[in-house]
Amino acid sequence: MYEDTTEEENYRLKRSLDTLFSMIINGRSLVDIQKVAARLADEHGWPYLRKASRSLEMSIEEIKKEEE
């Protein structure tokens, strides 16, 4: 079943974006930004949108089967 992001997940995502944007604005090296971005991606289980999309597709398929 499809699940939307929780308030806690939204907060964590915003905090991560703030970290990345601060690094970019402050002129940190690209290597440092890439390392932090990779770590944050792992922490968030990225690419979670693809997983959510697949979950939604499966839910839609289940509903269609039930309607038949």
Protein backbone atom coordinates (compact mmCIF):
# COMPACT_ATOMS: atom_id res chain seq x y z
CA MET A 1 0.00 0.00 0.00
CA TYR A 2 1.18 3.53 -0.79
CA GLU A 3 2.42 5.55 2.17
CA ASP A 4 3.07 9.27 2.12
CA THR A 5 6.03 10.77 3.95
CA THR A 6 5.59 11.51 7.62
CA GLU A 7 6.26 14.83 9.33
CA GLU A 8 9.50 13.42 10.72
CA GLU A 9 10.64 12.34 7.25
CA ASN A 10 9.78 15.77 5.86
CA TYR A 11 11.81 17.42 8.62
CA ARG A 12 14.79 15.14 7.97
CA LEU A 13 14.62 15.87 4.23
CA LYS A 14 14.48 19.63 4.83
CA ARG A 15 17.42 19.42 7.24
CA SER A 16 19.42 17.47 4.65
CA LEU A 17 18.61 19.98 1.92
CA ASP A 18 19.64 22.79 4.25
CA THR A 19 22.98 21.05 4.80
CA LEU A 20 23.59 20.64 1.08
CA PHE A 21 22.47 24.17 0.18
CA SER A 22 24.67 25.64 2.92
CA MET A 23 27.65 23.72 1.58
CA ILE A 24 26.98 24.98 -1.95
CA ILE A 25 26.43 28.59 -0.89
CA ASN A 26 29.56 28.58 1.27
CA GLY A 27 31.68 27.34 -1.63
CA ARG A 28 32.61 23.91 -0.28
CA SER A 29 34.45 21.65 -2.68
CA LEU A 30 32.42 19.47 -5.01
CA VAL A 31 34.04 16.36 -3.59
CA ASP A 32 32.86 17.26 -0.08
CA ILE A 33 29.35 17.98 -1.36
CA GLN A 34 29.26 14.65 -3.21
CA LYS A 35 30.37 12.74 -0.10
CA VAL A 36 27.71 14.39 2.05
CA ALA A 37 25.05 13.89 -0.64
CA ALA A 38 25.90 10.17 -0.87
CA ARG A 39 25.73 9.79 2.92
CA LEU A 40 22.39 11.61 3.07
CA ALA A 41 21.02 9.48 0.23
CA ASP A 42 21.87 6.35 2.21
CA GLU A 43 20.31 7.77 5.38
CA HIS A 44 17.07 8.54 3.57
CA GLY A 45 16.92 5.31 1.60
CA TRP A 46 17.01 7.18 -1.68
CA PRO A 47 15.67 6.67 -4.33
CA TYR A 48 12.55 6.46 -2.20
CA LEU A 49 10.34 8.13 -4.81
CA ARG A 50 10.88 5.20 -7.17
CA LYS A 51 10.01 2.81 -4.35
CA ALA A 52 6.87 4.79 -3.51
CA SER A 53 5.95 4.90 -7.17
CA ARG A 54 6.27 1.12 -7.45
CA SER A 55 4.24 0.71 -4.27
CA LEU A 56 1.52 2.96 -5.66
CA GLU A 57 1.47 1.04 -8.94
CA MET A 58 1.11 -2.23 -7.06
CA SER A 59 -1.74 -0.78 -4.97
CA ILE A 60 -3.55 0.34 -8.12
CA GLU A 61 -3.13 -3.13 -9.62
CA GLU A 62 -4.56 -4.72 -6.46
CA ILE A 63 -7.58 -2.40 -6.56
CA LYS A 64 -8.20 -3.27 -10.21
CA LYS A 65 -8.05 -6.99 -9.40
CA GLU A 66 -10.54 -6.53 -6.55
CA GLU A 67 -12.93 -4.64 -8.85
CA GLU A 68 -12.96 -7.48 -11.40
